[in-house]
Amino acid sequence: MSVELTATQVLAGFGGFVVLVLAWRAGGRRSRRAADAARGGARLLSLAGRVVVTAGAIVGVQWLVITHGRNTTLVWVVLGLPALFAAYTLTRALTVATHDRRDGRR
């Protein structure tokens, strides 16, 4: 049994193979991008959950001290300490670091 192919048939077969390989690789890249996006979304959701739980704990302690505490100093500490941490975090996040271009150090 002998198979005889023309040059056009060989080129068409090779072209089909190349298209198949490219489609397979593109699908891999697309799935990798989707997985990375899903991981990023999960990280954001995890961070949001931790922020909500921490804020709930802070508000709960503040509520207890304000409603049941008679010590004014304790109330100011309970209200002021979280405000200091929040101010420090926001200041660090919003501060722009400058570069000294002469020696490459900050």
PDB file of N, CA and C in Angstrom:
ATOM      1  N   MET A   1       0.832  -1.156   0.000  1.00  0.00           N
ATOM      2  CA  MET A   1       0.000   0.000   0.000  1.00  0.00           C
ATOM      3  C   MET A   1       0.887   1.233   0.000  1.00  0.00           C
ATOM      4  N   SER A   2       0.628   2.078  -0.925  1.00  0.00           N
ATOM      5  CA  SER A   2       1.448   3.265  -1.119  1.00  0.00           C
ATOM      6  C   SER A   2       0.558   4.501  -1.073  1.00  0.00           C
ATOM      7  N   VAL A   3       1.052   5.539  -0.388  1.00  0.00           N
ATOM      8  CA  VAL A   3       0.308   6.794  -0.283  1.00  0.00           C
ATOM      9  C   VAL A   3       1.077   7.837  -1.076  1.00  0.00           C
ATOM     10  N   GLU A   4       0.402   8.457  -1.971  1.00  0.00           N
ATOM     11  CA  GLU A   4       1.040   9.515  -2.755  1.00  0.00           C
ATOM     12  C   GLU A   4       0.360  10.839  -2.450  1.00  0.00           C
ATOM     13  N   LEU A   5       1.151  11.806  -1.971  1.00  0.00           N
ATOM     14  CA  LEU A   5       0.630  13.125  -1.618  1.00  0.00           C
ATOM     15  C   LEU A   5       1.281  14.170  -2.518  1.00  0.00           C
ATOM     16  N   THR A   6       0.512  15.140  -2.879  1.00  0.00           N
ATOM     17  CA  THR A   6       1.059  16.249  -3.658  1.00  0.00           C
ATOM     18  C   THR A   6       1.675  17.264  -2.705  1.00  0.00           C
ATOM     19  N   ALA A   7       2.443  18.179  -3.238  1.00  0.00           N
ATOM     20  CA  ALA A   7       3.078  19.211  -2.425  1.00  0.00           C
ATOM     21  C   ALA A   7       2.023  20.084  -1.737  1.00  0.00           C
ATOM     22  N   THR A   8       0.932  20.344  -2.396  1.00  0.00           N
ATOM     23  CA  THR A   8      -0.148  21.144  -1.814  1.00  0.00           C
ATOM     24  C   THR A   8      -0.768  20.442  -0.620  1.00  0.00           C
ATOM     25  N   GLN A   9      -0.956  19.142  -0.712  1.00  0.00           N
ATOM     26  CA  GLN A   9      -1.537  18.383   0.395  1.00  0.00           C
ATOM     27  C   GLN A   9      -0.583  18.356   1.594  1.00  0.00           C
ATOM     28  N   VAL A  10       0.714  18.221   1.330  1.00  0.00           N
ATOM     29  CA  VAL A  10       1.705  18.216   2.418  1.00  0.00           C
ATOM     30  C   VAL A  10       1.723  19.577   3.100  1.00  0.00           C
ATOM     31  N   LEU A  11       1.737  20.660   2.326  1.00  0.00           N
ATOM     32  CA  LEU A  11       1.730  22.003   2.905  1.00  0.00           C
ATOM     33  C   LEU A  11       0.436  22.272   3.673  1.00  0.00           C
ATOM     34  N   ALA A  12      -0.687  21.810   3.160  1.00  0.00           N
ATOM     35  CA  ALA A  12      -1.957  21.989   3.863  1.00  0.00           C
ATOM     36  C   ALA A  12      -1.949  21.224   5.186  1.00  0.00           C
ATOM     37  N   GLY A  13      -1.415  20.029   5.197  1.00  0.00           N
ATOM     38  CA  GLY A  13      -1.316  19.243   6.427  1.00  0.00           C
ATOM     39  C   GLY A  13      -0.388  19.893   7.437  1.00  0.00           C
ATOM     40  N   PHE A  14       0.764  20.394   6.958  1.00  0.00           N
ATOM     41  CA  PHE A  14       1.706  21.076   7.838  1.00  0.00           C
ATOM     42  C   PHE A  14       1.085  22.359   8.401  1.00  0.00           C
ATOM     43  N   GLY A  15       0.383  23.113   7.552  1.00  0.00           N
ATOM     44  CA  GLY A  15      -0.290  24.334   8.017  1.00  0.00           C
ATOM     45  C   GLY A  15      -1.350  24.034   9.063  1.00  0.00           C
ATOM     46  N   GLY A  16      -2.105  22.974   8.868  1.00  0.00           N
ATOM     47  CA  GLY A  16      -3.105  22.572   9.861  1.00  0.00           C
ATOM     48  C   GLY A  16      -2.464  22.192  11.185  1.00  0.00           C
ATOM     49  N   PHE A  17      -1.318  21.503  11.110  1.00  0.00           N
ATOM     50  CA  PHE A  17      -0.593  21.117  12.322  1.00  0.00           C
ATOM     51  C   PHE A  17      -0.108  22.363  13.073  1.00  0.00           C
ATOM     52  N   VAL A  18       0.439  23.338  12.335  1.00  0.00           N
ATOM     53  CA  VAL A  18       0.922  24.577  12.957  1.00  0.00           C
ATOM     54  C   VAL A  18      -0.234  25.324  13.624  1.00  0.00           C
ATOM     55  N   VAL A  19      -1.366  25.411  12.952  1.00  0.00           N
ATOM     56  CA  VAL A  19      -2.535  26.088  13.538  1.00  0.00           C
ATOM     57  C   VAL A  19      -2.986  25.370  14.806  1.00  0.00           C
ATOM     58  N   LEU A  20      -2.970  24.047  14.788  1.00  0.00           N
ATOM     59  CA  LEU A  20      -3.360  23.266  15.959  1.00  0.00           C
ATOM     60  C   LEU A  20      -2.424  23.525  17.130  1.00  0.00           C
ATOM     61  N   VAL A  21      -1.119  23.543  16.873  1.00  0.00           N
ATOM     62  CA  VAL A  21      -0.144  23.799  17.940  1.00  0.00           C
ATOM     63  C   VAL A  21      -0.316  25.209  18.499  1.00  0.00           C
ATOM     64  N   LEU A  22      -0.499  26.206  17.639  1.00  0.00           N
ATOM     65  CA  LEU A  22      -0.682  27.583  18.103  1.00  0.00           C
ATOM     66  C   LEU A  22      -1.953  27.732  18.937  1.00  0.00           C
ATOM     67  N   ALA A  23      -3.011  27.083  18.530  1.00  0.00           N
ATOM     68  CA  ALA A  23      -4.269  27.139  19.293  1.00  0.00           C
ATOM     69  C   ALA A  23      -4.099  26.480  20.663  1.00  0.00           C
ATOM     70  N   TRP A  24      -3.355  25.385  20.682  1.00  0.00           N
ATOM     71  CA  TRP A  24      -3.124  24.689  21.955  1.00  0.00           C
ATOM     72  C   TRP A  24      -2.319  25.566  22.903  1.00  0.00           C
ATOM     73  N   ARG A  25      -1.270  26.228  22.392  1.00  0.00           N
ATOM     74  CA  ARG A  25      -0.444  27.097  23.233  1.00  0.00           C
ATOM     75  C   ARG A  25      -1.225  28.320  23.698  1.00  0.00           C
ATOM     76  N   ALA A  26      -2.055  28.887  22.838  1.00  0.00           N
ATOM     77  CA  ALA A  26      -2.853  30.057  23.215  1.00  0.00           C
ATOM     78  C   ALA A  26      -3.848  29.687  24.321  1.00  0.00           C
ATOM     79  N   GLY A  27      -4.409  28.500  24.234  1.00  0.00           N
ATOM     80  CA  GLY A  27      -5.320  28.042  25.287  1.00  0.00           C
ATOM     81  C   GLY A  27      -4.603  27.903  26.621  1.00  0.00           C
ATOM     82  N   GLY A  28      -3.371  27.438  26.584  1.00  0.00           N
ATOM     83  CA  GLY A  28      -2.582  27.327  27.813  1.00  0.00           C
ATOM     84  C   GLY A  28      -2.304  28.687  28.425  1.00  0.00           C
ATOM     85  N   ARG A  29      -1.946  29.644  27.576  1.00  0.00           N
ATOM     86  CA  ARG A  29      -1.693  30.998  28.071  1.00  0.00           C
ATOM     87  C   ARG A  29      -2.963  31.615  28.643  1.00  0.00           C
ATOM     88  N   ARG A  30      -4.074  31.401  27.943  1.00  0.00           N
ATOM     89  CA  ARG A  30      -5.348  31.960  28.404  1.00  0.00           C
ATOM     90  C   ARG A  30      -5.740  31.367  29.756  1.00  0.00           C
ATOM     91  N   SER A  31      -5.554  30.069  29.915  1.00  0.00           N
ATOM     92  CA  SER A  31      -5.919  29.442  31.186  1.00  0.00           C
ATOM     93  C   SER A  31      -4.983  29.892  32.302  1.00  0.00           C
ATOM     94  N   ARG A  32      -3.706  30.107  31.980  1.00  0.00           N
ATOM     95  CA  ARG A  32      -2.758  30.594  32.980  1.00  0.00           C
ATOM     96  C   ARG A  32      -3.145  32.000  33.424  1.00  0.00           C
ATOM     97  N   ARG A  33      -3.528  32.862  32.457  1.00  0.00           N
ATOM     98  CA  ARG A  33      -3.966  34.216  32.798  1.00  0.00           C
ATOM     99  C   ARG A  33      -5.222  34.186  33.663  1.00  0.00           C
ATOM    100  N   ALA A  34      -6.144  33.309  33.342  1.00  0.00           N
ATOM    101  CA  ALA A  34      -7.382  33.209  34.128  1.00  0.00           C
ATOM    102  C   ALA A  34      -7.080  32.734  35.544  1.00  0.00           C
ATOM    103  N   ALA A  35      -6.149  31.791  35.678  1.00  0.00           N
ATOM    104  CA  ALA A  35      -5.782  31.302  37.007  1.00  0.00           C
ATOM    105  C   ALA A  35      -5.105  32.401  37.825  1.00  0.00           C
ATOM    106  N   ASP A  36      -4.235  33.189  37.184  1.00  0.00           N
ATOM    107  CA  ASP A  36      -3.589  34.294  37.889  1.00  0.00           C
ATOM    108  C   ASP A  36      -4.604  35.332  38.332  1.00  0.00           C
ATOM    109  N   ALA A  37      -5.567  35.631  37.486  1.00  0.00           N
ATOM    110  CA  ALA A  37      -6.612  36.596  37.841  1.00  0.00           C
ATOM    111  C   ALA A  37      -7.459  36.072  39.000  1.00  0.00           C
ATOM    112  N   ALA A  38      -7.745  34.786  38.993  1.00  0.00           N
ATOM    113  CA  ALA A  38      -8.547  34.200  40.080  1.00  0.00           C
ATOM    114  C   ALA A  38      -7.781  34.255  41.394  1.00  0.00           C
ATOM    115  N   ARG A  39      -6.475  33.984  41.329  1.00  0.00           N
ATOM    116  CA  ARG A  39      -5.664  34.066  42.545  1.00  0.00           C
ATOM    117  C   ARG A  39      -5.634  35.484  43.082  1.00  0.00           C
ATOM    118  N   GLY A  40      -5.504  36.468  42.183  1.00  0.00           N
ATOM    119  CA  GLY A  40      -5.498  37.866  42.616  1.00  0.00           C
ATOM    120  C   GLY A  40      -6.809  38.257  43.260  1.00  0.00           C
ATOM    121  N   GLY A  41      -7.918  37.805  42.684  1.00  0.00           N
ATOM    122  CA  GLY A  41      -9.226  38.087  43.263  1.00  0.00           C
ATOM    123  C   GLY A  41      -9.404  37.430  44.617  1.00  0.00           C
ATOM    124  N   ALA A  42      -8.885  36.223  44.762  1.00  0.00           N
ATOM    125  CA  ALA A  42      -8.986  35.526  46.046  1.00  0.00           C
ATOM    126  C   ALA A  42      -8.150  36.238  47.097  1.00  0.00           C
ATOM    127  N   ARG A  43      -6.965  36.742  46.692  1.00  0.00           N
ATOM    128  CA  ARG A  43      -6.137  37.493  47.626  1.00  0.00           C
ATOM    129  C   ARG A  43      -6.852  38.745  48.091  1.00  0.00           C
ATOM    130  N   LEU A  44      -7.493  39.441  47.142  1.00  0.00           N
ATOM    131  CA  LEU A  44      -8.213  40.660  47.485  1.00  0.00           C
ATOM    132  C   LEU A  44      -9.379  40.347  48.422  1.00  0.00           C
ATOM    133  N   LEU A  45     -10.101  39.269  48.154  1.00  0.00           N
ATOM    134  CA  LEU A  45     -11.221  38.878  49.008  1.00  0.00           C
ATOM    135  C   LEU A  45     -10.721  38.476  50.392  1.00  0.00           C
ATOM    136  N   SER A  46      -9.596  37.775  50.455  1.00  0.00           N
ATOM    137  CA  SER A  46      -9.027  37.376  51.736  1.00  0.00           C
ATOM    138  C   SER A  46      -8.604  38.604  52.534  1.00  0.00           C
ATOM    139  N   LEU A  47      -7.975  39.567  51.864  1.00  0.00           N
ATOM    140  CA  LEU A  47      -7.559  40.796  52.536  1.00  0.00           C
ATOM    141  C   LEU A  47      -8.775  41.563  53.031  1.00  0.00           C
ATOM    142  N   ALA A  48      -9.801  41.653  52.212  1.00  0.00           N
ATOM    143  CA  ALA A  48     -11.015  42.364  52.617  1.00  0.00           C
ATOM    144  C   ALA A  48     -11.656  41.685  53.827  1.00  0.00           C
ATOM    145  N   GLY A  49     -11.664  40.366  53.844  1.00  0.00           N
ATOM    146  CA  GLY A  49     -12.215  39.649  54.990  1.00  0.00           C
ATOM    147  C   GLY A  49     -11.444  39.925  56.266  1.00  0.00           C
ATOM    148  N   ARG A  50     -10.117  39.927  56.161  1.00  0.00           N
ATOM    149  CA  ARG A  50      -9.310  40.209  57.349  1.00  0.00           C
ATOM    150  C   ARG A  50      -9.511  41.634  57.835  1.00  0.00           C
ATOM    151  N   VAL A  51      -9.653  42.576  56.901  1.00  0.00           N
ATOM    152  CA  VAL A  51      -9.885  43.971  57.285  1.00  0.00           C
ATOM    153  C   VAL A  51     -11.221  44.103  58.004  1.00  0.00           C
ATOM    154  N   VAL A  52     -12.245  43.448  57.504  1.00  0.00           N
ATOM    155  CA  VAL A  52     -13.572  43.534  58.130  1.00  0.00           C
ATOM    156  C   VAL A  52     -13.564  42.910  59.521  1.00  0.00           C
ATOM    157  N   VAL A  53     -12.912  41.770  59.675  1.00  0.00           N
ATOM    158  CA  VAL A  53     -12.854  41.115  60.991  1.00  0.00           C
ATOM    159  C   VAL A  53     -12.083  41.980  61.978  1.00  0.00           C
ATOM    160  N   THR A  54     -10.953  42.531  61.557  1.00  0.00           N
ATOM    161  CA  THR A  54     -10.162  43.386  62.448  1.00  0.00           C
ATOM    162  C   THR A  54     -10.936  44.647  62.826  1.00  0.00           C
ATOM    163  N   ALA A  55     -11.593  45.260  61.852  1.00  0.00           N
ATOM    164  CA  ALA A  55     -12.393  46.452  62.154  1.00  0.00           C
ATOM    165  C   ALA A  55     -13.524  46.110  63.111  1.00  0.00           C
ATOM    166  N   GLY A  56     -14.142  44.952  62.926  1.00  0.00           N
ATOM    167  CA  GLY A  56     -15.194  44.528  63.845  1.00  0.00           C
ATOM    168  C   GLY A  56     -14.687  44.343  65.263  1.00  0.00           C
ATOM    169  N   ALA A  57     -13.500  43.774  65.395  1.00  0.00           N
ATOM    170  CA  ALA A  57     -12.918  43.596  66.732  1.00  0.00           C
ATOM    171  C   ALA A  57     -12.619  44.943  67.379  1.00  0.00           C
ATOM    172  N   ILE A  58     -12.073  45.875  66.617  1.00  0.00           N
ATOM    173  CA  ILE A  58     -11.760  47.200  67.161  1.00  0.00           C
ATOM    174  C   ILE A  58     -13.037  47.917  67.584  1.00  0.00           C
ATOM    175  N   VAL A  59     -14.044  47.880  66.733  1.00  0.00           N
ATOM    176  CA  VAL A  59     -15.320  48.547  67.053  1.00  0.00           C
ATOM    177  C   VAL A  59     -15.972  47.891  68.267  1.00  0.00           C
ATOM    178  N   GLY A  60     -15.888  46.569  68.364  1.00  0.00           N
ATOM    179  CA  GLY A  60     -16.466  45.877  69.517  1.00  0.00           C
ATOM    180  C   GLY A  60     -15.823  46.291  70.829  1.00  0.00           C
ATOM    181  N   VAL A  61     -14.495  46.363  70.837  1.00  0.00           N
ATOM    182  CA  VAL A  61     -13.786  46.784  72.057  1.00  0.00           C
ATOM    183  C   VAL A  61     -14.122  48.235  72.371  1.00  0.00           C
ATOM    184  N   GLN A  62     -14.156  49.086  71.354  1.00  0.00           N
ATOM    185  CA  GLN A  62     -14.500  50.491  71.596  1.00  0.00           C
ATOM    186  C   GLN A  62     -15.918  50.619  72.161  1.00  0.00           C
ATOM    187  N   TRP A  63     -16.843  49.868  71.602  1.00  0.00           N
ATOM    188  CA  TRP A  63     -18.227  49.926  72.076  1.00  0.00           C
ATOM    189  C   TRP A  63     -18.316  49.489  73.544  1.00  0.00           C
ATOM    190  N   LEU A  64     -17.615  48.396  73.890  1.00  0.00           N
ATOM    191  CA  LEU A  64     -17.634  47.927  75.285  1.00  0.00           C
ATOM    192  C   LEU A  64     -17.083  48.974  76.239  1.00  0.00           C
ATOM    193  N   VAL A  65     -15.945  49.566  75.872  1.00  0.00           N
ATOM    194  CA  VAL A  65     -15.325  50.540  76.770  1.00  0.00           C
ATOM    195  C   VAL A  65     -16.186  51.795  76.893  1.00  0.00           C
ATOM    196  N   ILE A  66     -16.764  52.254  75.796  1.00  0.00           N
ATOM    197  CA  ILE A  66     -17.566  53.483  75.850  1.00  0.00           C
ATOM    198  C   ILE A  66     -18.857  53.260  76.638  1.00  0.00           C
ATOM    199  N   THR A  67     -19.513  52.093  76.430  1.00  0.00           N
ATOM    200  CA  THR A  67     -20.795  51.871  77.114  1.00  0.00           C
ATOM    201  C   THR A  67     -20.632  51.453  78.565  1.00  0.00           C
ATOM    202  N   HIS A  68     -19.576  50.715  78.897  1.00  0.00           N
ATOM    203  CA  HIS A  68     -19.442  50.194  80.258  1.00  0.00           C
ATOM    204  C   HIS A  68     -18.302  50.829  81.040  1.00  0.00           C
ATOM    205  N   GLY A  69     -17.442  51.556  80.398  1.00  0.00           N
ATOM    206  CA  GLY A  69     -16.310  52.163  81.098  1.00  0.00           C
ATOM    207  C   GLY A  69     -16.629  53.557  81.576  1.00  0.00           C
ATOM    208  N   ARG A  70     -16.180  53.866  82.771  1.00  0.00           N
ATOM    209  CA  ARG A  70     -16.405  55.195  83.325  1.00  0.00           C
ATOM    210  C   ARG A  70     -15.110  56.005  83.348  1.00  0.00           C
ATOM    211  N   ASN A  71     -14.012  55.394  82.946  1.00  0.00           N
ATOM    212  CA  ASN A  71     -12.714  56.061  82.974  1.00  0.00           C
ATOM    213  C   ASN A  71     -12.510  56.823  81.659  1.00  0.00           C
ATOM    214  N   THR A  72     -12.365  58.142  81.737  1.00  0.00           N
ATOM    215  CA  THR A  72     -12.207  58.968  80.538  1.00  0.00           C
ATOM    216  C   THR A  72     -10.895  58.674  79.828  1.00  0.00           C
ATOM    217  N   THR A  73      -9.836  58.416  80.576  1.00  0.00           N
ATOM    218  CA  THR A  73      -8.531  58.123  79.970  1.00  0.00           C
ATOM    219  C   THR A  73      -8.607  56.844  79.150  1.00  0.00           C
ATOM    220  N   LEU A  74      -9.274  55.846  79.662  1.00  0.00           N
ATOM    221  CA  LEU A  74      -9.412  54.584  78.937  1.00  0.00           C
ATOM    222  C   LEU A  74     -10.186  54.780  77.637  1.00  0.00           C
ATOM    223  N   VAL A  75     -11.217  55.606  77.673  1.00  0.00           N
ATOM    224  CA  VAL A  75     -11.987  55.884  76.463  1.00  0.00           C
ATOM    225  C   VAL A  75     -11.097  56.555  75.415  1.00  0.00           C
ATOM    226  N   TRP A  76     -10.299  57.533  75.834  1.00  0.00           N
ATOM    227  CA  TRP A  76      -9.418  58.214  74.886  1.00  0.00           C
ATOM    228  C   TRP A  76      -8.365  57.265  74.307  1.00  0.00           C
ATOM    229  N   VAL A  77      -7.852  56.361  75.116  1.00  0.00           N
ATOM    230  CA  VAL A  77      -6.861  55.389  74.627  1.00  0.00           C
ATOM    231  C   VAL A  77      -7.508  54.443  73.622  1.00  0.00           C
ATOM    232  N   VAL A  78      -8.692  53.955  73.949  1.00  0.00           N
ATOM    233  CA  VAL A  78      -9.372  53.007  73.067  1.00  0.00           C
ATOM    234  C   VAL A  78      -9.767  53.657  71.743  1.00  0.00           C
ATOM    235  N   LEU A  79     -10.097  54.932  71.758  1.00  0.00           N
ATOM    236  CA  LEU A  79     -10.426  55.634  70.516  1.00  0.00           C
ATOM    237  C   LEU A  79      -9.172  56.113  69.771  1.00  0.00           C
ATOM    238  N   GLY A  80      -8.144  56.507  70.494  1.00  0.00           N
ATOM    239  CA  GLY A  80      -6.965  57.102  69.875  1.00  0.00           C
ATOM    240  C   GLY A  80      -5.970  56.120  69.309  1.00  0.00           C
ATOM    241  N   LEU A  81      -5.792  54.974  69.947  1.00  0.00           N
ATOM    242  CA  LEU A  81      -4.785  54.007  69.492  1.00  0.00           C
ATOM    243  C   LEU A  81      -5.077  53.469  68.092  1.00  0.00           C
ATOM    244  N   PRO A  82      -6.290  53.022  67.785  1.00  0.00           N
ATOM    245  CA  PRO A  82      -6.562  52.601  66.408  1.00  0.00           C
ATOM    246  C   PRO A  82      -6.423  53.740  65.403  1.00  0.00           C
ATOM    247  N   ALA A  83      -6.764  54.959  65.831  1.00  0.00           N
ATOM    248  CA  ALA A  83      -6.606  56.110  64.943  1.00  0.00           C
ATOM    249  C   ALA A  83      -5.132  56.349  64.629  1.00  0.00           C
ATOM    250  N   LEU A  84      -4.245  56.163  65.608  1.00  0.00           N
ATOM    251  CA  LEU A  84      -2.807  56.313  65.362  1.00  0.00           C
ATOM    252  C   LEU A  84      -2.305  55.267  64.381  1.00  0.00           C
ATOM    253  N   PHE A  85      -2.719  54.023  64.553  1.00  0.00           N
ATOM    254  CA  PHE A  85      -2.296  52.960  63.624  1.00  0.00           C
ATOM    255  C   PHE A  85      -2.804  53.230  62.204  1.00  0.00           C
ATOM    256  N   ALA A  86      -4.045  53.678  62.097  1.00  0.00           N
ATOM    257  CA  ALA A  86      -4.603  53.978  60.775  1.00  0.00           C
ATOM    258  C   ALA A  86      -3.878  55.156  60.132  1.00  0.00           C
ATOM    259  N   ALA A  87      -3.575  56.187  60.917  1.00  0.00           N
ATOM    260  CA  ALA A  87      -2.859  57.340  60.377  1.00  0.00           C
ATOM    261  C   ALA A  87      -1.459  56.953  59.921  1.00  0.00           C
ATOM    262  N   TYR A  88      -0.774  56.126  60.699  1.00  0.00           N
ATOM    263  CA  TYR A  88       0.564  55.680  60.321  1.00  0.00           C
ATOM    264  C   TYR A  88       0.524  54.879  59.015  1.00  0.00           C
ATOM    265  N   THR A  89      -0.432  53.961  58.912  1.00  0.00           N
ATOM    266  CA  THR A  89      -0.552  53.129  57.712  1.00  0.00           C
ATOM    267  C   THR A  89      -0.873  53.971  56.484  1.00  0.00           C
ATOM    268  N   LEU A  90      -1.821  54.894  56.614  1.00  0.00           N
ATOM    269  CA  LEU A  90      -2.166  55.756  55.488  1.00  0.00           C
ATOM    270  C   LEU A  90      -1.014  56.666  55.087  1.00  0.00           C
ATOM    271  N   THR A  91      -0.299  57.189  56.071  1.00  0.00           N
ATOM    272  CA  THR A  91       0.835  58.052  55.762  1.00  0.00           C
ATOM    273  C   THR A  91       1.915  57.285  55.018  1.00  0.00           C
ATOM    274  N   ARG A  92       2.213  56.066  55.446  1.00  0.00           N
ATOM    275  CA  ARG A  92       3.214  55.238  54.757  1.00  0.00           C
ATOM    276  C   ARG A  92       2.757  54.890  53.344  1.00  0.00           C
ATOM    277  N   ALA A  93       1.480  54.606  53.174  1.00  0.00           N
ATOM    278  CA  ALA A  93       0.969  54.212  51.863  1.00  0.00           C
ATOM    279  C   ALA A  93       0.945  55.386  50.883  1.00  0.00           C
ATOM    280  N   LEU A  94       0.717  56.584  51.382  1.00  0.00           N
ATOM    281  CA  LEU A  94       0.569  57.735  50.502  1.00  0.00           C
ATOM    282  C   LEU A  94       1.833  58.573  50.358  1.00  0.00           C
ATOM    283  N   THR A  95       2.891  58.225  51.083  1.00  0.00           N
ATOM    284  CA  THR A  95       4.144  58.966  50.984  1.00  0.00           C
ATOM    285  C   THR A  95       4.932  58.483  49.781  1.00  0.00           C
ATOM    286  N   VAL A  96       5.443  59.429  49.009  1.00  0.00           N
ATOM    287  CA  VAL A  96       6.236  59.100  47.828  1.00  0.00           C
ATOM    288  C   VAL A  96       7.705  59.128  48.223  1.00  0.00           C
ATOM    289  N   ALA A  97       8.408  58.023  47.952  1.00  0.00           N
ATOM    290  CA  ALA A  97       9.835  57.956  48.247  1.00  0.00           C
ATOM    291  C   ALA A  97      10.606  58.661  47.142  1.00  0.00           C
ATOM    292  N   THR A  98      11.595  59.448  47.535  1.00  0.00           N
ATOM    293  CA  THR A  98      12.415  60.146  46.546  1.00  0.00           C
ATOM    294  C   THR A  98      13.731  59.407  46.378  1.00  0.00           C
ATOM    295  N   HIS A  99      14.324  59.552  45.223  1.00  0.00           N
ATOM    296  CA  HIS A  99      15.595  58.907  44.922  1.00  0.00           C
ATOM    297  C   HIS A  99      16.686  59.967  44.792  1.00  0.00           C
ATOM    298  N   ASP A 100      17.833  59.682  45.378  1.00  0.00           N
ATOM    299  CA  ASP A 100      18.995  60.525  45.166  1.00  0.00           C
ATOM    300  C   ASP A 100      19.737  59.956  43.972  1.00  0.00           C
ATOM    301  N   ARG A 101      19.730  60.658  42.881  1.00  0.00           N
ATOM    302  CA  ARG A 101      20.243  60.103  41.616  1.00  0.00           C
ATOM    303  C   ARG A 101      21.773  60.093  41.559  1.00  0.00           C
ATOM    304  N   ARG A 102      22.450  60.749  42.463  1.00  0.00           N
ATOM    305  CA  ARG A 102      23.909  60.782  42.394  1.00  0.00           C
ATOM    306  C   ARG A 102      24.541  59.444  42.728  1.00  0.00           C
ATOM    307  N   ASP A 103      24.103  58.812  43.815  1.00  0.00           N
ATOM    308  CA  ASP A 103      24.727  57.542  44.192  1.00  0.00           C
ATOM    309  C   ASP A 103      23.766  56.354  44.100  1.00  0.00           C
ATOM    310  N   GLY A 104      22.524  56.568  43.700  1.00  0.00           N
ATOM    311  CA  GLY A 104      21.589  55.481  43.495  1.00  0.00           C
ATOM    312  C   GLY A 104      20.889  55.002  44.741  1.00  0.00           C
ATOM    313  N   ARG A 105      21.206  55.591  45.908  1.00  0.00           N
ATOM    314  CA  ARG A 105      20.544  55.203  47.152  1.00  0.00           C
ATOM    315  C   ARG A 105      19.363  56.107  47.423  1.00  0.00           C
ATOM    316  N   ARG A 106      18.465  55.606  48.246  1.00  0.00           N
ATOM    317  CA  ARG A 106      17.284  56.423  48.628  1.00  0.00           C
ATOM    318  C   ARG A 106      17.620  57.327  49.759  1.00  0.00           C
TER     319      ARG A 106
END
